[in-house]
Amino acid sequence: MTTLRFKPTARLLPPATKAGFTLVELLVVIAIIAVLLALLLPAVQAAREAARRTNCMNNVKQLSLAIVNYSDTRKRFPCGLNVPDASGDSAYAALVSNRLTSATAPEPAKFTNFLIESMPFSELSDLYARLNLAVESTTSGSGNMASASAPGATVIAQFICPSDFVPSRTITWSTKVSGVNSYVGNAGTQHWDWKNPNPGLSTANRWFNGMFQLNTTIRPRDISDGLSKTILVGERYSMDDKFVDTGELSCKTMQDCRGWAWTNRRSGCDIFAGSAVPVNFVIPVAGNVPMTRLRLNAFGSGHGAGAVFGMCDGAVRFLTLEGSDAATLELFSSLTNPKDGKSVRVQ
């Protein structure tokens, strides 16, 4: 009997393959990641801005409470700018003659301002003690802005809003150096733009009718409209793309022209703002001189849709007031005038 034997044949297996992505799959994954990042980025930016705004509100709260504590102790609010030699300064002659300010300083032996006077009532007592208030801040050799190591050149974090546009935290004029500030006092409806006043300085209920002025002070009992309904301080933003050199202001950009030195005891441009224009006002047309001058002392912020304000009772509010309509400007003016007799509601 014949036995059939079968020789096993070799078994062919498919070649081994390596796991991976095709080019199309890789592009799809990248596209998905890009979409997720695009969705996430605004949320991250919003969270960061919310944190900056909270920090700014805390700064304004500290400043407001320090000023309120000053008024509780001294029975009056600090002078906006205390300038002992104003009577001999021709720059103030028009203000004095129109009774918008006094030639006699409330404190005749000191060159100071409301920011400086708030220091002993916050955590800045040591810096206050180092300041030489017997001389004007820019006095050569003995002024507080004499050099980068002078006390006036100190950068005070709580005076700067983290959302403000601050390319440099110090301002330098020639050899004079000062730390900058984002927060300014309420000088009233029409503020420091008095070089070419429009309306005129004699216009009733328009100029320097706020909380802080040159060589004048206000007592809490003088605020007949109510402490909670009157702005004490607010913030100012230093970016405006339409700000150009008009040939009159001798500066190229908004941040260069602003000055905004907390130690300045000579110019209200650095530390005052008003309600002549809306919050976050921007220059409508580049080169418009009157609007450019008004822009320098306009309240505003980098937060968008409003700005942070401290009220005379120490409370802090985020107010929009961005409209240029008559009703909004009238409301804003009422909030900056402590005794115009108009009742306003602040939410």
C-alpha atoms as a PDB file:
ATOM      1  CA  MET A   1       0.000   0.000   0.000  1.00  0.00           C
ATOM      2  CA  THR A   2       1.491   3.218  -1.035  1.00  0.00           C
ATOM      3  CA  THR A   3       1.577   6.046   1.556  1.00  0.00           C
ATOM      4  CA  LEU A   4       1.288   9.555   0.218  1.00  0.00           C
ATOM      5  CA  ARG A   5       3.409  12.095   1.985  1.00  0.00           C
ATOM      6  CA  PHE A   6       2.845  15.827   1.563  1.00  0.00           C
ATOM      7  CA  LYS A   7       5.703  18.237   1.978  1.00  0.00           C
ATOM      8  CA  PRO A   8       4.596  21.283   3.889  1.00  0.00           C
ATOM      9  CA  THR A   9       4.886  24.483   1.941  1.00  0.00           C
ATOM     10  CA  ALA A  10       6.179  27.791   3.332  1.00  0.00           C
ATOM     11  CA  ARG A  11       3.440  30.087   4.648  1.00  0.00           C
ATOM     12  CA  LEU A  12       3.645  33.611   3.350  1.00  0.00           C
ATOM     13  CA  LEU A  13       2.774  36.356   5.945  1.00  0.00           C
ATOM     14  CA  PRO A  14       1.964  39.973   5.087  1.00  0.00           C
ATOM     15  CA  PRO A  15       4.883  42.335   5.677  1.00  0.00           C
ATOM     16  CA  ALA A  16       4.997  44.021   9.089  1.00  0.00           C
ATOM     17  CA  THR A  17       3.696  47.607   9.159  1.00  0.00           C
ATOM     18  CA  LYS A  18       4.514  50.491  11.574  1.00  0.00           C
ATOM     19  CA  ALA A  19       1.644  52.395  13.264  1.00  0.00           C
ATOM     20  CA  GLY A  20       1.527  56.176  12.475  1.00  0.00           C
ATOM     21  CA  PHE A  21      -0.425  59.124  11.100  1.00  0.00           C
ATOM     22  CA  THR A  22      -0.971  59.891   7.535  1.00  0.00           C
ATOM     23  CA  LEU A  23      -0.339  63.446   6.376  1.00  0.00           C
ATOM     24  CA  VAL A  24      -4.068  64.086   6.183  1.00  0.00           C
ATOM     25  CA  GLU A  25      -4.620  62.850   9.739  1.00  0.00           C
ATOM     26  CA  LEU A  26      -1.775  65.013  11.007  1.00  0.00           C
ATOM     27  CA  LEU A  27      -3.219  68.094   9.328  1.00  0.00           C
ATOM     28  CA  VAL A  28      -6.627  67.375  10.842  1.00  0.00           C
ATOM     29  CA  VAL A  29      -5.135  67.115  14.333  1.00  0.00           C
ATOM     30  CA  ILE A  30      -3.242  70.376  13.867  1.00  0.00           C
ATOM     31  CA  ALA A  31      -6.418  72.082  12.666  1.00  0.00           C
ATOM     32  CA  ILE A  32      -8.331  70.845  15.710  1.00  0.00           C
ATOM     33  CA  ILE A  33      -5.617  72.101  18.068  1.00  0.00           C
ATOM     34  CA  ALA A  34      -5.622  75.490  16.335  1.00  0.00           C
ATOM     35  CA  VAL A  35      -9.395  75.781  16.725  1.00  0.00           C
ATOM     36  CA  LEU A  36      -9.171  74.877  20.422  1.00  0.00           C
ATOM     37  CA  LEU A  37      -6.437  77.454  20.975  1.00  0.00           C
ATOM     38  CA  ALA A  38      -8.479  80.092  19.162  1.00  0.00           C
ATOM     39  CA  LEU A  39     -11.392  79.334  21.472  1.00  0.00           C
ATOM     40  CA  LEU A  40      -9.233  79.264  24.582  1.00  0.00           C
ATOM     41  CA  LEU A  41      -7.117  82.375  23.986  1.00  0.00           C
ATOM     42  CA  PRO A  42      -9.917  84.942  24.437  1.00  0.00           C
ATOM     43  CA  ALA A  43     -10.918  83.217  27.669  1.00  0.00           C
ATOM     44  CA  VAL A  44      -7.333  83.387  28.937  1.00  0.00           C
ATOM     45  CA  GLN A  45      -7.046  87.042  27.945  1.00  0.00           C
ATOM     46  CA  ALA A  46     -10.361  87.824  29.605  1.00  0.00           C
ATOM     47  CA  ALA A  47      -9.221  86.089  32.796  1.00  0.00           C
ATOM     48  CA  ARG A  48      -5.965  88.072  32.793  1.00  0.00           C
ATOM     49  CA  GLU A  49      -7.772  91.362  32.240  1.00  0.00           C
ATOM     50  CA  ALA A  50     -10.225  90.502  35.012  1.00  0.00           C
ATOM     51  CA  ALA A  51      -7.262  90.004  37.333  1.00  0.00           C
ATOM     52  CA  ARG A  52      -5.691  93.291  36.222  1.00  0.00           C
ATOM     53  CA  ARG A  53      -8.977  95.125  36.725  1.00  0.00           C
ATOM     54  CA  THR A  54      -9.311  93.652  40.227  1.00  0.00           C
ATOM     55  CA  ASN A  55      -5.763  94.796  40.991  1.00  0.00           C
ATOM     56  CA  CYS A  56      -6.601  98.280  39.680  1.00  0.00           C
ATOM     57  CA  MET A  57      -9.733  98.472  41.807  1.00  0.00           C
ATOM     58  CA  ASN A  58      -7.678  97.513  44.834  1.00  0.00           C
ATOM     59  CA  ASN A  59      -5.191 100.311  44.038  1.00  0.00           C
ATOM     60  CA  VAL A  60      -7.993 102.865  43.771  1.00  0.00           C
ATOM     61  CA  LYS A  61      -9.518 101.543  46.983  1.00  0.00           C
ATOM     62  CA  GLN A  62      -6.249 102.024  48.870  1.00  0.00           C
ATOM     63  CA  LEU A  63      -5.788 105.529  47.498  1.00  0.00           C
ATOM     64  CA  SER A  64      -9.398 106.537  48.216  1.00  0.00           C
ATOM     65  CA  LEU A  65      -9.310 105.234  51.777  1.00  0.00           C
ATOM     66  CA  ALA A  66      -6.001 106.984  52.429  1.00  0.00           C
ATOM     67  CA  ILE A  67      -7.500 110.302  51.285  1.00  0.00           C
ATOM     68  CA  VAL A  68     -10.666 109.709  53.302  1.00  0.00           C
ATOM     69  CA  ASN A  69      -8.549 108.923  56.379  1.00  0.00           C
ATOM     70  CA  TYR A  70      -6.678 112.181  55.775  1.00  0.00           C
ATOM     71  CA  SER A  71      -9.992 114.065  55.721  1.00  0.00           C
ATOM     72  CA  ASP A  72     -11.126 112.336  58.922  1.00  0.00           C
ATOM     73  CA  THR A  73      -7.920 113.440  60.637  1.00  0.00           C
ATOM     74  CA  ARG A  74      -7.567 116.942  59.199  1.00  0.00           C
ATOM     75  CA  LYS A  75     -11.291 117.701  58.790  1.00  0.00           C
ATOM     76  CA  ARG A  76     -10.691 118.554  55.127  1.00  0.00           C
ATOM     77  CA  PHE A  77      -9.545 116.829  51.991  1.00  0.00           C
ATOM     78  CA  PRO A  78      -5.940 117.432  50.915  1.00  0.00           C
ATOM     79  CA  CYS A  79      -5.193 120.275  48.552  1.00  0.00           C
ATOM     80  CA  GLY A  80      -4.945 119.166  44.935  1.00  0.00           C
ATOM     81  CA  LEU A  81      -1.751 121.152  44.364  1.00  0.00           C
ATOM     82  CA  ASN A  82      -0.240 123.106  47.220  1.00  0.00           C
ATOM     83  CA  VAL A  83       2.087 125.736  45.695  1.00  0.00           C
ATOM     84  CA  PRO A  84       3.383 128.325  48.201  1.00  0.00           C
ATOM     85  CA  ASP A  85       4.775 130.735  45.607  1.00  0.00           C
ATOM     86  CA  ALA A  86       1.763 130.787  43.264  1.00  0.00           C
ATOM     87  CA  SER A  87       1.290 134.504  43.865  1.00  0.00           C
ATOM     88  CA  GLY A  88       4.561 135.197  42.074  1.00  0.00           C
ATOM     89  CA  ASP A  89       4.008 132.769  39.210  1.00  0.00           C
ATOM     90  CA  SER A  90       2.570 134.342  36.045  1.00  0.00           C
ATOM     91  CA  ALA A  91       1.333 130.925  34.907  1.00  0.00           C
ATOM     92  CA  TYR A  92      -1.393 131.071  37.555  1.00  0.00           C
ATOM     93  CA  ALA A  93      -2.342 134.727  37.153  1.00  0.00           C
ATOM     94  CA  ALA A  94      -5.441 134.041  35.028  1.00  0.00           C
ATOM     95  CA  LEU A  95      -6.670 131.385  37.451  1.00  0.00           C
ATOM     96  CA  VAL A  96      -6.242 133.683  40.428  1.00  0.00           C
ATOM     97  CA  SER A  97      -7.882 136.678  38.732  1.00  0.00           C
ATOM     98  CA  ASN A  98     -10.905 134.567  37.803  1.00  0.00           C
ATOM     99  CA  ARG A  99     -11.112 133.280  41.387  1.00  0.00           C
ATOM    100  CA  LEU A 100     -10.652 129.718  40.253  1.00  0.00           C
ATOM    101  CA  THR A 101      -7.864 129.273  42.743  1.00  0.00           C
ATOM    102  CA  SER A 102      -6.068 131.096  45.516  1.00  0.00           C
ATOM    103  CA  ALA A 103      -2.640 132.663  45.445  1.00  0.00           C
ATOM    104  CA  THR A 104      -2.229 131.617  49.091  1.00  0.00           C
ATOM    105  CA  ALA A 105      -1.481 127.970  49.746  1.00  0.00           C
ATOM    106  CA  PRO A 106      -3.317 126.201  52.614  1.00  0.00           C
ATOM    107  CA  GLU A 107       0.097 124.981  53.786  1.00  0.00           C
ATOM    108  CA  PRO A 108       2.479 127.864  53.024  1.00  0.00           C
ATOM    109  CA  ALA A 109       5.664 125.944  53.838  1.00  0.00           C
ATOM    110  CA  LYS A 110       5.099 122.888  51.637  1.00  0.00           C
ATOM    111  CA  PHE A 111       5.186 121.998  47.948  1.00  0.00           C
ATOM    112  CA  THR A 112       2.860 119.029  47.863  1.00  0.00           C
ATOM    113  CA  ASN A 113      -0.235 117.444  46.298  1.00  0.00           C
ATOM    114  CA  PHE A 114      -3.042 115.096  47.209  1.00  0.00           C
ATOM    115  CA  LEU A 115      -1.142 111.957  46.134  1.00  0.00           C
ATOM    116  CA  ILE A 116       1.791 112.834  48.357  1.00  0.00           C
ATOM    117  CA  GLU A 117      -0.435 113.802  51.286  1.00  0.00           C
ATOM    118  CA  SER A 118      -2.199 110.424  51.083  1.00  0.00           C
ATOM    119  CA  MET A 119       1.080 108.560  51.735  1.00  0.00           C
ATOM    120  CA  PRO A 120       1.169 108.737  55.546  1.00  0.00           C
ATOM    121  CA  PHE A 121      -2.300 107.172  55.579  1.00  0.00           C
ATOM    122  CA  SER A 122      -1.249 104.167  53.501  1.00  0.00           C
ATOM    123  CA  GLU A 123       1.857 102.019  53.491  1.00  0.00           C
ATOM    124  CA  LEU A 124       4.072 104.779  52.110  1.00  0.00           C
ATOM    125  CA  SER A 125       5.000 106.629  55.288  1.00  0.00           C
ATOM    126  CA  ASP A 126       8.705 105.851  54.906  1.00  0.00           C
ATOM    127  CA  LEU A 127       8.783 107.336  51.391  1.00  0.00           C
ATOM    128  CA  TYR A 128       6.853 110.399  52.552  1.00  0.00           C
ATOM    129  CA  ALA A 129       9.443 110.992  55.254  1.00  0.00           C
ATOM    130  CA  ARG A 130      12.211 111.034  52.621  1.00  0.00           C
ATOM    131  CA  LEU A 131      10.571 113.704  50.456  1.00  0.00           C
ATOM    132  CA  ASN A 132      11.836 117.257  50.686  1.00  0.00           C
ATOM    133  CA  LEU A 133       8.592 119.234  50.652  1.00  0.00           C
ATOM    134  CA  ALA A 134      10.287 122.541  51.427  1.00  0.00           C
ATOM    135  CA  VAL A 135      11.346 123.020  47.804  1.00  0.00           C
ATOM    136  CA  GLU A 136       9.675 122.601  44.440  1.00  0.00           C
ATOM    137  CA  SER A 137      10.143 119.093  43.051  1.00  0.00           C
ATOM    138  CA  THR A 138      12.403 120.079  40.156  1.00  0.00           C
ATOM    139  CA  THR A 139      14.716 122.322  42.196  1.00  0.00           C
ATOM    140  CA  SER A 140      18.278 121.530  41.177  1.00  0.00           C
ATOM    141  CA  GLY A 141      20.211 119.500  43.717  1.00  0.00           C
ATOM    142  CA  SER A 142      17.554 119.371  46.439  1.00  0.00           C
ATOM    143  CA  GLY A 143      14.367 118.551  44.528  1.00  0.00           C
ATOM    144  CA  ASN A 144      12.718 115.174  44.753  1.00  0.00           C
ATOM    145  CA  MET A 145      13.261 114.599  41.022  1.00  0.00           C
ATOM    146  CA  ALA A 146      16.952 115.549  41.010  1.00  0.00           C
ATOM    147  CA  SER A 147      18.138 112.130  39.795  1.00  0.00           C
ATOM    148  CA  ALA A 148      17.147 108.521  39.287  1.00  0.00           C
ATOM    149  CA  SER A 149      18.053 107.847  42.929  1.00  0.00           C
ATOM    150  CA  ALA A 150      15.994 110.743  44.323  1.00  0.00           C
ATOM    151  CA  PRO A 151      12.888 109.763  46.322  1.00  0.00           C
ATOM    152  CA  GLY A 152      10.549 111.203  43.682  1.00  0.00           C
ATOM    153  CA  ALA A 153      11.892 108.711  41.145  1.00  0.00           C
ATOM    154  CA  THR A 154      10.514 105.845  43.209  1.00  0.00           C
ATOM    155  CA  VAL A 155       8.152 103.586  41.262  1.00  0.00           C
ATOM    156  CA  ILE A 156       5.017 103.103  43.378  1.00  0.00           C
ATOM    157  CA  ALA A 157       3.196  99.992  42.209  1.00  0.00           C
ATOM    158  CA  GLN A 158      -0.116 100.997  43.781  1.00  0.00           C
ATOM    159  CA  PHE A 159      -0.085 104.246  41.769  1.00  0.00           C
ATOM    160  CA  ILE A 160       0.053 102.339  38.447  1.00  0.00           C
ATOM    161  CA  CYS A 161      -2.830 100.410  36.893  1.00  0.00           C
ATOM    162  CA  PRO A 162      -1.613  97.102  35.384  1.00  0.00           C
ATOM    163  CA  SER A 163      -3.858  97.721  32.349  1.00  0.00           C
ATOM    164  CA  ASP A 164      -2.450 101.187  31.687  1.00  0.00           C
ATOM    165  CA  PHE A 165      -0.060 101.674  28.765  1.00  0.00           C
ATOM    166  CA  VAL A 166       3.210 102.361  30.562  1.00  0.00           C
ATOM    167  CA  PRO A 167       6.277 101.857  28.337  1.00  0.00           C
ATOM    168  CA  SER A 168       8.437 103.214  31.151  1.00  0.00           C
ATOM    169  CA  ARG A 169       7.644 103.470  34.838  1.00  0.00           C
ATOM    170  CA  THR A 170       9.664 106.644  35.166  1.00  0.00           C
ATOM    171  CA  ILE A 171       9.412 109.950  33.312  1.00  0.00           C
ATOM    172  CA  THR A 172      12.584 111.907  32.539  1.00  0.00           C
ATOM    173  CA  TRP A 173      12.903 115.591  31.660  1.00  0.00           C
ATOM    174  CA  SER A 174      16.522 116.561  31.144  1.00  0.00           C
ATOM    175  CA  THR A 175      18.116 115.241  34.348  1.00  0.00           C
ATOM    176  CA  LYS A 176      14.867 115.205  36.332  1.00  0.00           C
ATOM    177  CA  VAL A 177      13.337 111.769  36.973  1.00  0.00           C
ATOM    178  CA  SER A 178       9.995 110.839  38.485  1.00  0.00           C
ATOM    179  CA  GLY A 179       7.902 107.752  39.008  1.00  0.00           C
ATOM    180  CA  VAL A 180       4.659 107.749  37.003  1.00  0.00           C
ATOM    181  CA  ASN A 181       1.052 107.441  38.100  1.00  0.00           C
ATOM    182  CA  SER A 182      -2.131 106.146  36.462  1.00  0.00           C
ATOM    183  CA  TYR A 183      -4.505 107.711  38.983  1.00  0.00           C
ATOM    184  CA  VAL A 184      -5.656 111.311  38.993  1.00  0.00           C
ATOM    185  CA  GLY A 185      -7.873 113.537  41.087  1.00  0.00           C
ATOM    186  CA  ASN A 186     -11.263 114.931  40.153  1.00  0.00           C
ATOM    187  CA  ALA A 187     -10.728 118.590  39.241  1.00  0.00           C
ATOM    188  CA  GLY A 188     -14.306 119.130  38.053  1.00  0.00           C
ATOM    189  CA  THR A 189     -16.109 119.618  34.768  1.00  0.00           C
ATOM    190  CA  GLN A 190     -13.419 121.592  32.979  1.00  0.00           C
ATOM    191  CA  HIS A 191      -9.957 120.778  34.188  1.00  0.00           C
ATOM    192  CA  TRP A 192      -6.392 121.928  33.589  1.00  0.00           C
ATOM    193  CA  ASP A 193      -6.656 122.946  29.938  1.00  0.00           C
ATOM    194  CA  TRP A 194      -6.672 126.674  30.660  1.00  0.00           C
ATOM    195  CA  LYS A 195      -3.914 127.888  28.344  1.00  0.00           C
ATOM    196  CA  ASN A 196      -6.424 128.471  25.546  1.00  0.00           C
ATOM    197  CA  PRO A 197      -9.668 128.061  27.496  1.00  0.00           C
ATOM    198  CA  ASN A 198     -12.824 127.136  25.657  1.00  0.00           C
ATOM    199  CA  PRO A 199     -15.222 128.019  27.191  1.00  0.00           C
ATOM    200  CA  GLY A 200     -13.614 131.008  28.878  1.00  0.00           C
ATOM    201  CA  LEU A 201     -12.345 130.910  32.445  1.00  0.00           C
ATOM    202  CA  SER A 202     -15.151 133.209  33.552  1.00  0.00           C
ATOM    203  CA  THR A 203     -17.828 130.726  32.448  1.00  0.00           C
ATOM    204  CA  ALA A 204     -19.941 129.965  35.517  1.00  0.00           C
ATOM    205  CA  ASN A 205     -20.020 126.453  36.986  1.00  0.00           C
ATOM    206  CA  ARG A 206     -17.503 125.105  34.505  1.00  0.00           C
ATOM    207  CA  TRP A 207     -13.893 125.398  35.660  1.00  0.00           C
ATOM    208  CA  PHE A 208     -12.239 123.773  38.678  1.00  0.00           C
ATOM    209  CA  ASN A 209     -15.470 122.807  40.393  1.00  0.00           C
ATOM    210  CA  GLY A 210     -14.307 119.376  41.520  1.00  0.00           C
ATOM    211  CA  MET A 211     -12.619 117.926  44.583  1.00  0.00           C
ATOM    212  CA  PHE A 212      -9.025 118.912  43.893  1.00  0.00           C
ATOM    213  CA  GLN A 213      -7.723 122.282  42.814  1.00  0.00           C
ATOM    214  CA  LEU A 214      -4.684 124.522  43.066  1.00  0.00           C
ATOM    215  CA  ASN A 215      -4.303 126.010  46.557  1.00  0.00           C
ATOM    216  CA  THR A 216      -7.874 125.303  47.631  1.00  0.00           C
ATOM    217  CA  THR A 217      -9.426 122.611  49.796  1.00  0.00           C
ATOM    218  CA  ILE A 218     -12.831 121.103  50.409  1.00  0.00           C
ATOM    219  CA  ARG A 219     -14.286 119.828  53.680  1.00  0.00           C
ATOM    220  CA  PRO A 220     -16.524 116.749  53.845  1.00  0.00           C
ATOM    221  CA  ARG A 221     -19.446 118.941  54.907  1.00  0.00           C
ATOM    222  CA  ASP A 222     -19.005 121.029  51.730  1.00  0.00           C
ATOM    223  CA  ILE A 223     -20.023 118.025  49.598  1.00  0.00           C
ATOM    224  CA  SER A 224     -23.730 118.737  49.665  1.00  0.00           C
ATOM    225  CA  ASP A 225     -24.533 116.232  46.902  1.00  0.00           C
ATOM    226  CA  GLY A 226     -23.332 113.342  49.065  1.00  0.00           C
ATOM    227  CA  LEU A 227     -19.996 111.589  49.532  1.00  0.00           C
ATOM    228  CA  SER A 228     -21.182 108.442  47.769  1.00  0.00           C
ATOM    229  CA  LYS A 229     -22.325 110.439  44.735  1.00  0.00           C
ATOM    230  CA  THR A 230     -19.159 112.441  44.145  1.00  0.00           C
ATOM    231  CA  ILE A 231     -16.041 111.186  42.366  1.00  0.00           C
ATOM    232  CA  LEU A 232     -12.827 111.556  44.346  1.00  0.00           C
ATOM    233  CA  VAL A 233     -10.224 109.943  42.079  1.00  0.00           C
ATOM    234  CA  GLY A 234     -10.163 107.896  38.888  1.00  0.00           C
ATOM    235  CA  GLU A 235      -7.812 106.398  36.344  1.00  0.00           C
ATOM    236  CA  ARG A 236      -6.420 107.738  33.093  1.00  0.00           C
ATOM    237  CA  TYR A 237      -5.153 105.787  30.061  1.00  0.00           C
ATOM    238  CA  SER A 238      -2.052 106.867  28.163  1.00  0.00           C
ATOM    239  CA  MET A 239      -2.571 105.441  24.678  1.00  0.00           C
ATOM    240  CA  ASP A 240      -4.261 107.193  21.767  1.00  0.00           C
ATOM    241  CA  ASP A 241      -3.155 106.401  18.226  1.00  0.00           C
ATOM    242  CA  LYS A 242      -4.474 109.756  16.985  1.00  0.00           C
ATOM    243  CA  PHE A 243      -2.343 111.772  19.351  1.00  0.00           C
ATOM    244  CA  VAL A 244       0.242 113.556  17.221  1.00  0.00           C
ATOM    245  CA  ASP A 245       2.617 116.462  17.728  1.00  0.00           C
ATOM    246  CA  THR A 246       0.507 119.575  17.150  1.00  0.00           C
ATOM    247  CA  GLY A 247       3.477 121.899  17.500  1.00  0.00           C
ATOM    248  CA  GLU A 248       1.939 123.359  20.638  1.00  0.00           C
ATOM    249  CA  LEU A 249       2.476 120.603  23.169  1.00  0.00           C
ATOM    250  CA  SER A 250       6.073 119.706  22.189  1.00  0.00           C
ATOM    251  CA  CYS A 251       5.629 115.953  22.457  1.00  0.00           C
ATOM    252  CA  LYS A 252       5.330 113.147  19.945  1.00  0.00           C
ATOM    253  CA  THR A 253       3.140 110.552  21.646  1.00  0.00           C
ATOM    254  CA  MET A 254       0.480 110.442  24.337  1.00  0.00           C
ATOM    255  CA  GLN A 255       2.758 108.734  26.851  1.00  0.00           C
ATOM    256  CA  ASP A 256       5.554 111.232  26.185  1.00  0.00           C
ATOM    257  CA  CYS A 257       3.276 114.224  26.625  1.00  0.00           C
ATOM    258  CA  ARG A 258       1.379 113.021  29.627  1.00  0.00           C
ATOM    259  CA  GLY A 259       4.038 113.731  32.242  1.00  0.00           C
ATOM    260  CA  TRP A 260       1.915 112.166  34.970  1.00  0.00           C
ATOM    261  CA  ALA A 261       4.525 112.288  37.682  1.00  0.00           C
ATOM    262  CA  TRP A 262       3.118 111.637  41.153  1.00  0.00           C
ATOM    263  CA  THR A 263       5.675 113.947  42.769  1.00  0.00           C
ATOM    264  CA  ASN A 264       4.935 116.983  40.586  1.00  0.00           C
ATOM    265  CA  ARG A 265       3.843 120.000  42.638  1.00  0.00           C
ATOM    266  CA  ARG A 266       3.700 122.449  39.750  1.00  0.00           C
ATOM    267  CA  SER A 267       1.415 121.200  36.995  1.00  0.00           C
ATOM    268  CA  GLY A 268      -2.098 119.854  37.358  1.00  0.00           C
ATOM    269  CA  CYS A 269      -1.742 118.156  33.977  1.00  0.00           C
ATOM    270  CA  ASP A 270       0.045 115.358  35.810  1.00  0.00           C
ATOM    271  CA  ILE A 271      -2.507 114.676  38.502  1.00  0.00           C
ATOM    272  CA  PHE A 272      -5.922 116.106  37.506  1.00  0.00           C
ATOM    273  CA  ALA A 273      -8.711 115.026  35.154  1.00  0.00           C
ATOM    274  CA  GLY A 274     -12.255 116.201  34.470  1.00  0.00           C
ATOM    275  CA  SER A 275     -15.585 115.439  32.863  1.00  0.00           C
ATOM    276  CA  ALA A 276     -15.526 117.794  29.850  1.00  0.00           C
ATOM    277  CA  VAL A 277     -15.325 114.723  27.600  1.00  0.00           C
ATOM    278  CA  PRO A 278     -16.620 111.150  28.105  1.00  0.00           C
ATOM    279  CA  VAL A 279     -14.718 108.348  29.779  1.00  0.00           C
ATOM    280  CA  ASN A 280     -12.293 106.703  27.334  1.00  0.00           C
ATOM    281  CA  PHE A 281     -12.510 109.689  24.998  1.00  0.00           C
ATOM    282  CA  VAL A 282     -10.239 109.420  21.958  1.00  0.00           C
ATOM    283  CA  ILE A 283      -9.164 112.190  19.627  1.00  0.00           C
ATOM    284  CA  PRO A 284     -11.588 112.138  16.655  1.00  0.00           C
ATOM    285  CA  VAL A 285      -9.148 113.488  14.074  1.00  0.00           C
ATOM    286  CA  ALA A 286      -5.364 113.498  14.369  1.00  0.00           C
ATOM    287  CA  GLY A 287      -4.038 117.041  14.638  1.00  0.00           C
ATOM    288  CA  ASN A 288      -7.149 118.543  16.250  1.00  0.00           C
ATOM    289  CA  VAL A 289      -5.483 120.822  18.819  1.00  0.00           C
ATOM    290  CA  PRO A 290      -8.476 121.486  21.165  1.00  0.00           C
ATOM    291  CA  MET A 291      -9.378 117.780  21.276  1.00  0.00           C
ATOM    292  CA  THR A 292      -5.736 116.836  21.770  1.00  0.00           C
ATOM    293  CA  ARG A 293      -5.514 119.109  24.777  1.00  0.00           C
ATOM    294  CA  LEU A 294      -8.753 117.761  26.229  1.00  0.00           C
ATOM    295  CA  ARG A 295      -7.531 114.200  25.736  1.00  0.00           C
ATOM    296  CA  LEU A 296      -4.598 114.772  28.082  1.00  0.00           C
ATOM    297  CA  ASN A 297      -6.849 115.157  31.095  1.00  0.00           C
ATOM    298  CA  ALA A 298      -9.645 112.724  30.273  1.00  0.00           C
ATOM    299  CA  PHE A 299     -10.574 109.863  32.575  1.00  0.00           C
ATOM    300  CA  GLY A 300     -10.191 106.446  30.936  1.00  0.00           C
ATOM    301  CA  SER A 301      -8.704 102.979  31.214  1.00  0.00           C
ATOM    302  CA  GLY A 302      -7.337  99.965  29.400  1.00  0.00           C
ATOM    303  CA  HIS A 303     -10.143  97.801  30.788  1.00  0.00           C
ATOM    304  CA  GLY A 304     -12.628  98.724  28.077  1.00  0.00           C
ATOM    305  CA  ALA A 305     -16.208  99.993  28.449  1.00  0.00           C
ATOM    306  CA  GLY A 306     -15.464 102.238  31.404  1.00  0.00           C
ATOM    307  CA  ALA A 307     -12.947 103.059  34.111  1.00  0.00           C
ATOM    308  CA  VAL A 308     -12.407 102.592  37.833  1.00  0.00           C
ATOM    309  CA  PHE A 309     -13.347 105.481  40.137  1.00  0.00           C
ATOM    310  CA  GLY A 310     -13.053 106.035  43.869  1.00  0.00           C
ATOM    311  CA  MET A 311     -15.868 107.957  45.518  1.00  0.00           C
ATOM    312  CA  CYS A 312     -15.613 110.435  48.379  1.00  0.00           C
ATOM    313  CA  ASP A 313     -16.871 107.861  50.877  1.00  0.00           C
ATOM    314  CA  GLY A 314     -14.049 105.452  49.954  1.00  0.00           C
ATOM    315  CA  ALA A 315     -16.213 103.172  47.817  1.00  0.00           C
ATOM    316  CA  VAL A 316     -14.945 102.025  44.418  1.00  0.00           C
ATOM    317  CA  ARG A 317     -17.097 101.947  41.280  1.00  0.00           C
ATOM    318  CA  PHE A 318     -16.554 100.851  37.696  1.00  0.00           C
ATOM    319  CA  LEU A 319     -18.407 103.498  35.694  1.00  0.00           C
ATOM    320  CA  THR A 320     -18.965 103.496  31.927  1.00  0.00           C
ATOM    321  CA  LEU A 321     -19.982 107.081  31.107  1.00  0.00           C
ATOM    322  CA  GLU A 322     -18.594 106.646  27.597  1.00  0.00           C
ATOM    323  CA  GLY A 323     -21.431 108.322  25.743  1.00  0.00           C
ATOM    324  CA  SER A 324     -20.923 111.749  24.208  1.00  0.00           C
ATOM    325  CA  ASP A 325     -24.647 112.522  24.381  1.00  0.00           C
ATOM    326  CA  ALA A 326     -25.816 115.421  26.521  1.00  0.00           C
ATOM    327  CA  ALA A 327     -27.438 113.222  29.174  1.00  0.00           C
ATOM    328  CA  THR A 328     -24.290 111.184  29.804  1.00  0.00           C
ATOM    329  CA  LEU A 329     -22.057 114.245  29.930  1.00  0.00           C
ATOM    330  CA  GLU A 330     -24.469 115.961  32.317  1.00  0.00           C
ATOM    331  CA  LEU A 331     -24.441 112.906  34.593  1.00  0.00           C
ATOM    332  CA  PHE A 332     -20.650 112.770  34.463  1.00  0.00           C
ATOM    333  CA  SER A 333     -20.421 116.486  35.250  1.00  0.00           C
ATOM    334  CA  SER A 334     -22.756 116.044  38.223  1.00  0.00           C
ATOM    335  CA  LEU A 335     -20.573 113.244  39.577  1.00  0.00           C
ATOM    336  CA  THR A 336     -17.502 115.475  39.422  1.00  0.00           C
ATOM    337  CA  ASN A 337     -19.204 118.526  40.954  1.00  0.00           C
ATOM    338  CA  PRO A 338     -19.652 117.976  44.716  1.00  0.00           C
ATOM    339  CA  LYS A 339     -22.252 120.682  45.213  1.00  0.00           C
ATOM    340  CA  ASP A 340     -24.216 121.353  42.036  1.00  0.00           C
ATOM    341  CA  GLY A 341     -27.441 120.288  43.722  1.00  0.00           C
ATOM    342  CA  LYS A 342     -28.266 117.601  41.188  1.00  0.00           C
ATOM    343  CA  SER A 343     -29.340 114.196  42.454  1.00  0.00           C
ATOM    344  CA  VAL A 344     -27.662 111.282  40.685  1.00  0.00           C
ATOM    345  CA  ARG A 345     -27.849 107.537  41.136  1.00  0.00           C
ATOM    346  CA  VAL A 346     -24.668 105.486  41.108  1.00  0.00           C
ATOM    347  CA  GLN A 347     -24.987 101.726  40.784  1.00  0.00           C
END
